[in-house]
Amino acid sequence: MPYTNSLKLSTIEYLDLLDDIPYKYIKKMIHEDDDDDYDVEITDLKCDRIAYCKTQFKLTLNVDISQGYSPIYVDKTFTFVKEYNNSSGIALTILDLYEEDSDSDDE
């Protein structure tokens, strides 16, 4: 299932993806505008529970590790697995992230 590869900060917060990231990595991120997009890889996983879905998110942040005057940026990836009811608000939000292939509609 092809999902979008970038999310706005408000969507990341709604999906609770910032909860498990140490504050030192996200402190600049949470003080920025919501107009910025962040790289994310979204993958559906198999779920054993009835009426539940499981999705994996890989969020990539470009963080400054220099702690000095000359910034040194590296990409740091955080992986999260969210399990949710398929009729919840989170399920509807994730469904909105799905990008349909417009080429197949042209035929």
PDB file of N, CA and C in Angstrom:
ATOM      1  N   MET A   1       0.845  -1.169   0.000  1.00  0.00           N
ATOM      2  CA  MET A   1       0.000   0.000   0.000  1.00  0.00           C
ATOM      3  C   MET A   1       0.896   1.240   0.000  1.00  0.00           C
ATOM      4  N   PRO A   2       0.814   2.080  -1.031  1.00  0.00           N
ATOM      5  CA  PRO A   2       1.694   3.254  -1.085  1.00  0.00           C
ATOM      6  C   PRO A   2       1.161   4.401  -0.219  1.00  0.00           C
ATOM      7  N   TYR A   3       1.937   4.764   0.771  1.00  0.00           N
ATOM      8  CA  TYR A   3       1.592   5.878   1.644  1.00  0.00           C
ATOM      9  C   TYR A   3       2.463   7.076   1.290  1.00  0.00           C
ATOM     10  N   THR A   4       2.073   8.224   1.795  1.00  0.00           N
ATOM     11  CA  THR A   4       2.883   9.414   1.632  1.00  0.00           C
ATOM     12  C   THR A   4       4.229   9.204   2.309  1.00  0.00           C
ATOM     13  N   ASN A   5       5.246   9.920   1.873  1.00  0.00           N
ATOM     14  CA  ASN A   5       6.564   9.748   2.485  1.00  0.00           C
ATOM     15  C   ASN A   5       6.964  10.945   3.339  1.00  0.00           C
ATOM     16  N   SER A   6       6.016  11.831   3.637  1.00  0.00           N
ATOM     17  CA  SER A   6       6.304  12.956   4.518  1.00  0.00           C
ATOM     18  C   SER A   6       5.051  13.314   5.313  1.00  0.00           C
ATOM     19  N   LEU A   7       5.282  13.766   6.550  1.00  0.00           N
ATOM     20  CA  LEU A   7       4.180  14.139   7.432  1.00  0.00           C
ATOM     21  C   LEU A   7       4.443  15.508   8.039  1.00  0.00           C
ATOM     22  N   LYS A   8       3.379  16.235   8.296  1.00  0.00           N
ATOM     23  CA  LYS A   8       3.476  17.496   9.017  1.00  0.00           C
ATOM     24  C   LYS A   8       3.569  17.216  10.514  1.00  0.00           C
ATOM     25  N   LEU A   9       4.075  18.187  11.256  1.00  0.00           N
ATOM     26  CA  LEU A   9       4.266  18.022  12.698  1.00  0.00           C
ATOM     27  C   LEU A   9       2.951  17.720  13.404  1.00  0.00           C
ATOM     28  N   SER A  10       1.863  18.347  13.001  1.00  0.00           N
ATOM     29  CA  SER A  10       0.572  18.117  13.664  1.00  0.00           C
ATOM     30  C   SER A  10       0.121  16.661  13.513  1.00  0.00           C
ATOM     31  N   THR A  11       0.357  16.061  12.358  1.00  0.00           N
ATOM     32  CA  THR A  11      -0.004  14.650  12.146  1.00  0.00           C
ATOM     33  C   THR A  11       0.891  13.740  12.971  1.00  0.00           C
ATOM     34  N   ILE A  12       2.176  14.066  13.046  1.00  0.00           N
ATOM     35  CA  ILE A  12       3.112  13.277  13.857  1.00  0.00           C
ATOM     36  C   ILE A  12       2.703  13.313  15.324  1.00  0.00           C
ATOM     37  N   GLU A  13       2.300  14.482  15.798  1.00  0.00           N
ATOM     38  CA  GLU A  13       1.854  14.608  17.185  1.00  0.00           C
ATOM     39  C   GLU A  13       0.563  13.831  17.418  1.00  0.00           C
ATOM     40  N   TYR A  14      -0.388  13.907  16.471  1.00  0.00           N
ATOM     41  CA  TYR A  14      -1.660  13.203  16.610  1.00  0.00           C
ATOM     42  C   TYR A  14      -1.458  11.688  16.697  1.00  0.00           C
ATOM     43  N   LEU A  15      -0.499  11.180  15.932  1.00  0.00           N
ATOM     44  CA  LEU A  15      -0.231   9.741  15.935  1.00  0.00           C
ATOM     45  C   LEU A  15       0.653   9.317  17.110  1.00  0.00           C
ATOM     46  N   ASP A  16       0.999  10.242  17.988  1.00  0.00           N
ATOM     47  CA  ASP A  16       1.825   9.981  19.181  1.00  0.00           C
ATOM     48  C   ASP A  16       3.195   9.408  18.830  1.00  0.00           C
ATOM     49  N   LEU A  17       3.780   9.861  17.738  1.00  0.00           N
ATOM     50  CA  LEU A  17       5.091   9.359  17.353  1.00  0.00           C
ATOM     51  C   LEU A  17       6.218  10.060  18.100  1.00  0.00           C
ATOM     52  N   LEU A  18       5.948  11.200  18.725  1.00  0.00           N
ATOM     53  CA  LEU A  18       6.993  11.920  19.447  1.00  0.00           C
ATOM     54  C   LEU A  18       7.168  11.430  20.881  1.00  0.00           C
ATOM     55  N   ASP A  19       6.245  10.622  21.360  1.00  0.00           N
ATOM     56  CA  ASP A  19       6.261  10.210  22.763  1.00  0.00           C
ATOM     57  C   ASP A  19       7.506   9.430  23.164  1.00  0.00           C
ATOM     58  N   ASP A  20       8.070   8.651  22.262  1.00  0.00           N
ATOM     59  CA  ASP A  20       9.196   7.793  22.605  1.00  0.00           C
ATOM     60  C   ASP A  20      10.539   8.313  22.092  1.00  0.00           C
ATOM     61  N   ILE A  21      10.575   9.570  21.624  1.00  0.00           N
ATOM     62  CA  ILE A  21      11.828  10.164  21.147  1.00  0.00           C
ATOM     63  C   ILE A  21      12.376  11.067  22.245  1.00  0.00           C
ATOM     64  N   PRO A  22      13.644  10.934  22.597  1.00  0.00           N
ATOM     65  CA  PRO A  22      14.223  11.812  23.614  1.00  0.00           C
ATOM     66  C   PRO A  22      14.092  13.289  23.217  1.00  0.00           C
ATOM     67  N   TYR A  23      13.854  14.137  24.211  1.00  0.00           N
ATOM     68  CA  TYR A  23      13.600  15.556  23.977  1.00  0.00           C
ATOM     69  C   TYR A  23      14.745  16.238  23.243  1.00  0.00           C
ATOM     70  N   LYS A  24      15.980  15.823  23.469  1.00  0.00           N
ATOM     71  CA  LYS A  24      17.126  16.477  22.824  1.00  0.00           C
ATOM     72  C   LYS A  24      17.056  16.399  21.300  1.00  0.00           C
ATOM     73  N   TYR A  25      16.343  15.413  20.754  1.00  0.00           N
ATOM     74  CA  TYR A  25      16.220  15.270  19.304  1.00  0.00           C
ATOM     75  C   TYR A  25      15.060  16.071  18.726  1.00  0.00           C
ATOM     76  N   ILE A  26      14.062  16.351  19.536  1.00  0.00           N
ATOM     77  CA  ILE A  26      12.865  16.999  18.997  1.00  0.00           C
ATOM     78  C   ILE A  26      12.650  18.419  19.500  1.00  0.00           C
ATOM     79  N   LYS A  27      13.548  18.952  20.336  1.00  0.00           N
ATOM     80  CA  LYS A  27      13.298  20.273  20.913  1.00  0.00           C
ATOM     81  C   LYS A  27      13.208  21.363  19.860  1.00  0.00           C
ATOM     82  N   LYS A  28      14.045  21.331  18.823  1.00  0.00           N
ATOM     83  CA  LYS A  28      13.940  22.328  17.756  1.00  0.00           C
ATOM     84  C   LYS A  28      12.713  22.053  16.885  1.00  0.00           C
ATOM     85  N   MET A  29      12.384  20.802  16.714  1.00  0.00           N
ATOM     86  CA  MET A  29      11.270  20.397  15.873  1.00  0.00           C
ATOM     87  C   MET A  29       9.938  20.916  16.425  1.00  0.00           C
ATOM     88  N   ILE A  30       9.736  20.836  17.736  1.00  0.00           N
ATOM     89  CA  ILE A  30       8.443  21.221  18.310  1.00  0.00           C
ATOM     90  C   ILE A  30       8.274  22.729  18.410  1.00  0.00           C
ATOM     91  N   HIS A  31       9.350  23.484  18.205  1.00  0.00           N
ATOM     92  CA  HIS A  31       9.251  24.942  18.237  1.00  0.00           C
ATOM     93  C   HIS A  31       9.190  25.549  16.841  1.00  0.00           C
ATOM     94  N   GLU A  32       9.166  24.726  15.804  1.00  0.00           N
ATOM     95  CA  GLU A  32       9.102  25.199  14.425  1.00  0.00           C
ATOM     96  C   GLU A  32       7.658  25.265  13.956  1.00  0.00           C
ATOM     97  N   ASP A  33       7.476  25.857  12.778  1.00  0.00           N
ATOM     98  CA  ASP A  33       6.144  25.943  12.179  1.00  0.00           C
ATOM     99  C   ASP A  33       5.677  24.565  11.739  1.00  0.00           C
ATOM    100  N   ASP A  34       4.360  24.429  11.623  1.00  0.00           N
ATOM    101  CA  ASP A  34       3.780  23.162  11.181  1.00  0.00           C
ATOM    102  C   ASP A  34       3.912  22.987   9.670  1.00  0.00           C
ATOM    103  N   ASP A  35       4.422  23.983   8.970  1.00  0.00           N
ATOM    104  CA  ASP A  35       4.549  23.894   7.522  1.00  0.00           C
ATOM    105  C   ASP A  35       5.653  22.930   7.090  1.00  0.00           C
ATOM    106  N   ASP A  36       6.580  22.615   7.978  1.00  0.00           N
ATOM    107  CA  ASP A  36       7.679  21.718   7.637  1.00  0.00           C
ATOM    108  C   ASP A  36       7.188  20.279   7.538  1.00  0.00           C
ATOM    109  N   ASP A  37       7.717  19.576   6.533  1.00  0.00           N
ATOM    110  CA  ASP A  37       7.422  18.158   6.379  1.00  0.00           C
ATOM    111  C   ASP A  37       8.606  17.349   6.875  1.00  0.00           C
ATOM    112  N   TYR A  38       8.315  16.188   7.438  1.00  0.00           N
ATOM    113  CA  TYR A  38       9.358  15.304   7.949  1.00  0.00           C
ATOM    114  C   TYR A  38       9.275  13.971   7.222  1.00  0.00           C
ATOM    115  N   ASP A  39      10.441  13.411   6.900  1.00  0.00           N
ATOM    116  CA  ASP A  39      10.507  12.145   6.171  1.00  0.00           C
ATOM    117  C   ASP A  39      10.005  11.011   7.047  1.00  0.00           C
ATOM    118  N   VAL A  40       9.144  10.195   6.463  1.00  0.00           N
ATOM    119  CA  VAL A  40       8.606   9.046   7.183  1.00  0.00           C
ATOM    120  C   VAL A  40       8.331   7.932   6.180  1.00  0.00           C
ATOM    121  N   GLU A  41       8.586   6.712   6.611  1.00  0.00           N
ATOM    122  CA  GLU A  41       8.265   5.526   5.812  1.00  0.00           C
ATOM    123  C   GLU A  41       7.182   4.764   6.566  1.00  0.00           C
ATOM    124  N   ILE A  42       6.048   4.545   5.904  1.00  0.00           N
ATOM    125  CA  ILE A  42       4.892   3.906   6.536  1.00  0.00           C
ATOM    126  C   ILE A  42       4.670   2.543   5.896  1.00  0.00           C
ATOM    127  N   THR A  43       4.561   1.505   6.738  1.00  0.00           N
ATOM    128  CA  THR A  43       4.384   0.139   6.254  1.00  0.00           C
ATOM    129  C   THR A  43       3.295  -0.552   7.063  1.00  0.00           C
ATOM    130  N   ASP A  44       2.381  -1.221   6.374  1.00  0.00           N
ATOM    131  CA  ASP A  44       1.381  -2.034   7.062  1.00  0.00           C
ATOM    132  C   ASP A  44       2.015  -3.337   7.515  1.00  0.00           C
ATOM    133  N   LEU A  45       1.677  -3.769   8.724  1.00  0.00           N
ATOM    134  CA  LEU A  45       2.158  -5.044   9.261  1.00  0.00           C
ATOM    135  C   LEU A  45       0.966  -5.961   9.508  1.00  0.00           C
ATOM    136  N   LYS A  46       1.239  -7.237   9.575  1.00  0.00           N
ATOM    137  CA  LYS A  46       0.185  -8.208   9.858  1.00  0.00           C
ATOM    138  C   LYS A  46      -0.161  -8.153  11.346  1.00  0.00           C
ATOM    139  N   CYS A  47      -1.452  -8.149  11.634  1.00  0.00           N
ATOM    140  CA  CYS A  47      -1.922  -8.078  13.017  1.00  0.00           C
ATOM    141  C   CYS A  47      -2.713  -9.341  13.344  1.00  0.00           C
ATOM    142  N   ASP A  48      -2.483  -9.894  14.530  1.00  0.00           N
ATOM    143  CA  ASP A  48      -3.140 -11.133  14.945  1.00  0.00           C
ATOM    144  C   ASP A  48      -4.528 -10.906  15.544  1.00  0.00           C
ATOM    145  N   ARG A  49      -4.817  -9.692  15.972  1.00  0.00           N
ATOM    146  CA  ARG A  49      -6.080  -9.411  16.649  1.00  0.00           C
ATOM    147  C   ARG A  49      -7.174  -9.062  15.639  1.00  0.00           C
ATOM    148  N   ILE A  50      -8.378  -9.511  15.923  1.00  0.00           N
ATOM    149  CA  ILE A  50      -9.527  -9.227  15.064  1.00  0.00           C
ATOM    150  C   ILE A  50      -9.923  -7.766  15.229  1.00  0.00           C
ATOM    151  N   ALA A  51     -10.218  -7.099  14.112  1.00  0.00           N
ATOM    152  CA  ALA A  51     -10.664  -5.703  14.057  1.00  0.00           C
ATOM    153  C   ALA A  51      -9.577  -4.719  14.477  1.00  0.00           C
ATOM    154  N   TYR A  52      -8.334  -5.121  14.398  1.00  0.00           N
ATOM    155  CA  TYR A  52      -7.219  -4.231  14.698  1.00  0.00           C
ATOM    156  C   TYR A  52      -6.251  -4.192  13.517  1.00  0.00           C
ATOM    157  N   CYS A  53      -5.528  -3.103  13.423  1.00  0.00           N
ATOM    158  CA  CYS A  53      -4.505  -2.921  12.394  1.00  0.00           C
ATOM    159  C   CYS A  53      -3.185  -2.611  13.077  1.00  0.00           C
ATOM    160  N   LYS A  54      -2.103  -2.887  12.369  1.00  0.00           N
ATOM    161  CA  LYS A  54      -0.775  -2.586  12.889  1.00  0.00           C
ATOM    162  C   LYS A  54       0.013  -1.911  11.783  1.00  0.00           C
ATOM    163  N   THR A  55       0.644  -0.790  12.116  1.00  0.00           N
ATOM    164  CA  THR A  55       1.394  -0.011  11.144  1.00  0.00           C
ATOM    165  C   THR A  55       2.744   0.362  11.725  1.00  0.00           C
ATOM    166  N   GLN A  56       3.763   0.290  10.881  1.00  0.00           N
ATOM    167  CA  GLN A  56       5.118   0.670  11.287  1.00  0.00           C
ATOM    168  C   GLN A  56       5.450   2.031  10.676  1.00  0.00           C
ATOM    169  N   PHE A  57       6.022   2.906  11.492  1.00  0.00           N
ATOM    170  CA  PHE A  57       6.464   4.225  11.047  1.00  0.00           C
ATOM    171  C   PHE A  57       7.963   4.330  11.280  1.00  0.00           C
ATOM    172  N   LYS A  58       8.699   4.756  10.253  1.00  0.00           N
ATOM    173  CA  LYS A  58      10.125   5.059  10.387  1.00  0.00           C
ATOM    174  C   LYS A  58      10.279   6.555  10.133  1.00  0.00           C
ATOM    175  N   LEU A  59      10.513   7.301  11.203  1.00  0.00           N
ATOM    176  CA  LEU A  59      10.633   8.745  11.145  1.00  0.00           C
ATOM    177  C   LEU A  59      12.111   9.110  11.115  1.00  0.00           C
ATOM    178  N   THR A  60      12.525   9.869  10.097  1.00  0.00           N
ATOM    179  CA  THR A  60      13.917  10.269   9.950  1.00  0.00           C
ATOM    180  C   THR A  60      14.041  11.760  10.253  1.00  0.00           C
ATOM    181  N   LEU A  61      14.873  12.086  11.244  1.00  0.00           N
ATOM    182  CA  LEU A  61      15.105  13.467  11.634  1.00  0.00           C
ATOM    183  C   LEU A  61      16.544  13.846  11.349  1.00  0.00           C
ATOM    184  N   ASN A  62      16.749  15.059  10.890  1.00  0.00           N
ATOM    185  CA  ASN A  62      18.082  15.594  10.661  1.00  0.00           C
ATOM    186  C   ASN A  62      18.458  16.380  11.918  1.00  0.00           C
ATOM    187  N   VAL A  63      19.311  15.804  12.776  1.00  0.00           N
ATOM    188  CA  VAL A  63      19.611  16.403  14.079  1.00  0.00           C
ATOM    189  C   VAL A  63      21.044  16.924  14.132  1.00  0.00           C
ATOM    190  N   ASP A  64      21.218  18.009  14.903  1.00  0.00           N
ATOM    191  CA  ASP A  64      22.523  18.626  15.115  1.00  0.00           C
ATOM    192  C   ASP A  64      23.189  17.931  16.304  1.00  0.00           C
ATOM    193  N   ILE A  65      24.345  17.317  16.078  1.00  0.00           N
ATOM    194  CA  ILE A  65      25.043  16.599  17.151  1.00  0.00           C
ATOM    195  C   ILE A  65      26.299  17.322  17.620  1.00  0.00           C
ATOM    196  N   SER A  66      26.554  18.546  17.115  1.00  0.00           N
ATOM    197  CA  SER A  66      27.829  19.220  17.372  1.00  0.00           C
ATOM    198  C   SER A  66      27.926  19.824  18.763  1.00  0.00           C
ATOM    199  N   GLN A  67      26.847  20.350  19.298  1.00  0.00           N
ATOM    200  CA  GLN A  67      26.835  21.052  20.580  1.00  0.00           C
ATOM    201  C   GLN A  67      27.833  22.199  20.591  1.00  0.00           C
ATOM    202  N   GLY A  68      28.068  22.805  19.450  1.00  0.00           N
ATOM    203  CA  GLY A  68      29.026  23.904  19.359  1.00  0.00           C
ATOM    204  C   GLY A  68      28.600  24.913  18.326  1.00  0.00           C
ATOM    205  N   TYR A  69      29.571  25.712  17.881  1.00  0.00           N
ATOM    206  CA  TYR A  69      29.292  26.788  16.941  1.00  0.00           C
ATOM    207  C   TYR A  69      29.102  26.295  15.512  1.00  0.00           C
ATOM    208  N   SER A  70      29.834  25.300  15.124  1.00  0.00           N
ATOM    209  CA  SER A  70      29.737  24.772  13.772  1.00  0.00           C
ATOM    210  C   SER A  70      28.846  23.526  13.784  1.00  0.00           C
ATOM    211  N   PRO A  71      27.626  23.638  13.247  1.00  0.00           N
ATOM    212  CA  PRO A  71      26.697  22.503  13.332  1.00  0.00           C
ATOM    213  C   PRO A  71      27.134  21.307  12.489  1.00  0.00           C
ATOM    214  N   ILE A  72      26.922  20.140  13.045  1.00  0.00           N
ATOM    215  CA  ILE A  72      27.153  18.874  12.347  1.00  0.00           C
ATOM    216  C   ILE A  72      25.818  18.125  12.379  1.00  0.00           C
ATOM    217  N   TYR A  73      25.249  17.926  11.200  1.00  0.00           N
ATOM    218  CA  TYR A  73      23.944  17.276  11.112  1.00  0.00           C
ATOM    219  C   TYR A  73      24.075  15.826  10.654  1.00  0.00           C
ATOM    220  N   VAL A  74      23.300  14.970  11.292  1.00  0.00           N
ATOM    221  CA  VAL A  74      23.217  13.566  10.891  1.00  0.00           C
ATOM    222  C   VAL A  74      21.741  13.171  10.843  1.00  0.00           C
ATOM    223  N   ASP A  75      21.437  12.180  10.027  1.00  0.00           N
ATOM    224  CA  ASP A  75      20.082  11.642   9.981  1.00  0.00           C
ATOM    225  C   ASP A  75      19.936  10.569  11.040  1.00  0.00           C
ATOM    226  N   LYS A  76      18.923  10.699  11.865  1.00  0.00           N
ATOM    227  CA  LYS A  76      18.645   9.722  12.914  1.00  0.00           C
ATOM    228  C   LYS A  76      17.247   9.176  12.649  1.00  0.00           C
ATOM    229  N   THR A  77      17.122   7.861  12.602  1.00  0.00           N
ATOM    230  CA  THR A  77      15.849   7.216  12.297  1.00  0.00           C
ATOM    231  C   THR A  77      15.269   6.564  13.545  1.00  0.00           C
ATOM    232  N   PHE A  78      13.995   6.809  13.772  1.00  0.00           N
ATOM    233  CA  PHE A  78      13.265   6.217  14.886  1.00  0.00           C
ATOM    234  C   PHE A  78      12.151   5.359  14.306  1.00  0.00           C
ATOM    235  N   THR A  79      11.987   4.153  14.836  1.00  0.00           N
ATOM    236  CA  THR A  79      10.983   3.215  14.330  1.00  0.00           C
ATOM    237  C   THR A  79       9.924   2.974  15.400  1.00  0.00           C
ATOM    238  N   PHE A  80       8.667   3.067  14.988  1.00  0.00           N
ATOM    239  CA  PHE A  80       7.543   2.860  15.892  1.00  0.00           C
ATOM    240  C   PHE A  80       6.565   1.893  15.260  1.00  0.00           C
ATOM    241  N   VAL A  81       5.924   1.087  16.088  1.00  0.00           N
ATOM    242  CA  VAL A  81       4.857   0.201  15.633  1.00  0.00           C
ATOM    243  C   VAL A  81       3.616   0.560  16.429  1.00  0.00           C
ATOM    244  N   LYS A  82       2.567   0.931  15.718  1.00  0.00           N
ATOM    245  CA  LYS A  82       1.305   1.321  16.349  1.00  0.00           C
ATOM    246  C   LYS A  82       0.242   0.289  16.025  1.00  0.00           C
ATOM    247  N   GLU A  83      -0.450  -0.177  17.056  1.00  0.00           N
ATOM    248  CA  GLU A  83      -1.582  -1.084  16.874  1.00  0.00           C
ATOM    249  C   GLU A  83      -2.835  -0.323  17.284  1.00  0.00           C
ATOM    250  N   TYR A  84      -3.859  -0.373  16.455  1.00  0.00           N
ATOM    251  CA  TYR A  84      -5.038   0.450  16.691  1.00  0.00           C
ATOM    252  C   TYR A  84      -6.271  -0.250  16.139  1.00  0.00           C
ATOM    253  N   ASN A  85      -7.429   0.132  16.677  1.00  0.00           N
ATOM    254  CA  ASN A  85      -8.701  -0.396  16.210  1.00  0.00           C
ATOM    255  C   ASN A  85      -8.975   0.153  14.816  1.00  0.00           C
ATOM    256  N   ASN A  86      -9.482  -0.694  13.931  1.00  0.00           N
ATOM    257  CA  ASN A  86      -9.669  -0.256  12.544  1.00  0.00           C
ATOM    258  C   ASN A  86     -10.815   0.733  12.353  1.00  0.00           C
ATOM    259  N   SER A  87     -11.554   1.064  13.406  1.00  0.00           N
ATOM    260  CA  SER A  87     -12.595   2.093  13.294  1.00  0.00           C
ATOM    261  C   SER A  87     -12.268   3.322  14.142  1.00  0.00           C
ATOM    262  N   SER A  88     -11.030   3.432  14.589  1.00  0.00           N
ATOM    263  CA  SER A  88     -10.626   4.558  15.432  1.00  0.00           C
ATOM    264  C   SER A  88     -10.249   5.775  14.592  1.00  0.00           C
ATOM    265  N   GLY A  89     -10.061   6.896  15.266  1.00  0.00           N
ATOM    266  CA  GLY A  89      -9.627   8.119  14.601  1.00  0.00           C
ATOM    267  C   GLY A  89      -8.247   7.982  14.003  1.00  0.00           C
ATOM    268  N   ILE A  90      -7.383   7.216  14.658  1.00  0.00           N
ATOM    269  CA  ILE A  90      -6.034   6.985  14.133  1.00  0.00           C
ATOM    270  C   ILE A  90      -6.115   6.214  12.815  1.00  0.00           C
ATOM    271  N   ALA A  91      -7.018   5.242  12.733  1.00  0.00           N
ATOM    272  CA  ALA A  91      -7.177   4.476  11.494  1.00  0.00           C
ATOM    273  C   ALA A  91      -7.626   5.382  10.345  1.00  0.00           C
ATOM    274  N   LEU A  92      -8.513   6.309  10.622  1.00  0.00           N
ATOM    275  CA  LEU A  92      -8.973   7.237   9.588  1.00  0.00           C
ATOM    276  C   LEU A  92      -7.854   8.182   9.159  1.00  0.00           C
ATOM    277  N   THR A  93      -7.035   8.610  10.115  1.00  0.00           N
ATOM    278  CA  THR A  93      -5.900   9.482   9.787  1.00  0.00           C
ATOM    279  C   THR A  93      -4.900   8.742   8.909  1.00  0.00           C
ATOM    280  N   ILE A  94      -4.594   7.495   9.252  1.00  0.00           N
ATOM    281  CA  ILE A  94      -3.656   6.703   8.462  1.00  0.00           C
ATOM    282  C   ILE A  94      -4.235   6.420   7.070  1.00  0.00           C
ATOM    283  N   LEU A  95      -5.538   6.209   6.979  1.00  0.00           N
ATOM    284  CA  LEU A  95      -6.178   6.013   5.673  1.00  0.00           C
ATOM    285  C   LEU A  95      -6.037   7.259   4.799  1.00  0.00           C
ATOM    286  N   ASP A  96      -6.063   8.440   5.408  1.00  0.00           N
ATOM    287  CA  ASP A  96      -5.879   9.686   4.651  1.00  0.00           C
ATOM    288  C   ASP A  96      -4.458   9.821   4.115  1.00  0.00           C
ATOM    289  N   LEU A  97      -3.510   9.109   4.698  1.00  0.00           N
ATOM    290  CA  LEU A  97      -2.120   9.170   4.249  1.00  0.00           C
ATOM    291  C   LEU A  97      -1.868   8.291   3.031  1.00  0.00           C
ATOM    292  N   TYR A  98      -2.844   7.455   2.706  1.00  0.00           N
ATOM    293  CA  TYR A  98      -2.732   6.560   1.554  1.00  0.00           C
ATOM    294  C   TYR A  98      -2.809   7.374   0.274  1.00  0.00           C
ATOM    295  N   GLU A  99      -1.857   7.138  -0.636  1.00  0.00           N
ATOM    296  CA  GLU A  99      -1.841   7.827  -1.924  1.00  0.00           C
ATOM    297  C   GLU A  99      -2.210   6.845  -3.015  1.00  0.00           C
ATOM    298  N   GLU A 100      -3.330   7.114  -3.680  1.00  0.00           N
ATOM    299  CA  GLU A 100      -3.765   6.242  -4.762  1.00  0.00           C
ATOM    300  C   GLU A 100      -2.947   6.497  -6.003  1.00  0.00           C
ATOM    301  N   ASP A 101      -2.742   5.452  -6.791  1.00  0.00           N
ATOM    302  CA  ASP A 101      -2.002   5.563  -8.039  1.00  0.00           C
ATOM    303  C   ASP A 101      -2.936   6.100  -9.103  1.00  0.00           C
ATOM    304  N   SER A 102      -2.685   7.321  -9.577  1.00  0.00           N
ATOM    305  CA  SER A 102      -3.598   7.958 -10.534  1.00  0.00           C
ATOM    306  C   SER A 102      -3.414   7.414 -11.953  1.00  0.00           C
ATOM    307  N   ASP A 103      -2.327   6.719 -12.239  1.00  0.00           N
ATOM    308  CA  ASP A 103      -2.100   6.178 -13.577  1.00  0.00           C
ATOM    309  C   ASP A 103      -3.114   5.103 -13.945  1.00  0.00           C
ATOM    310  N   SER A 104      -3.576   4.307 -12.998  1.00  0.00           N
ATOM    311  CA  SER A 104      -4.502   3.221 -13.299  1.00  0.00           C
ATOM    312  C   SER A 104      -5.901   3.751 -13.607  1.00  0.00           C
ATOM    313  N   ASP A 105      -6.234   4.998 -13.196  1.00  0.00           N
ATOM    314  CA  ASP A 105      -7.540   5.555 -13.464  1.00  0.00           C
ATOM    315  C   ASP A 105      -7.673   6.097 -14.883  1.00  0.00           C
ATOM    316  N   ASP A 106      -6.547   6.318 -15.571  1.00  0.00           N
ATOM    317  CA  ASP A 106      -6.569   6.909 -16.893  1.00  0.00           C
ATOM    318  C   ASP A 106      -7.036   5.942 -17.970  1.00  0.00           C
ATOM    319  N   GLU A 107      -6.946   4.675 -17.733  1.00  0.00           N
ATOM    320  CA  GLU A 107      -7.276   3.686 -18.775  1.00  0.00           C
ATOM    321  C   GLU A 107      -8.742   3.402 -18.862  1.00  0.00           C
TER     322      GLU A 107
END
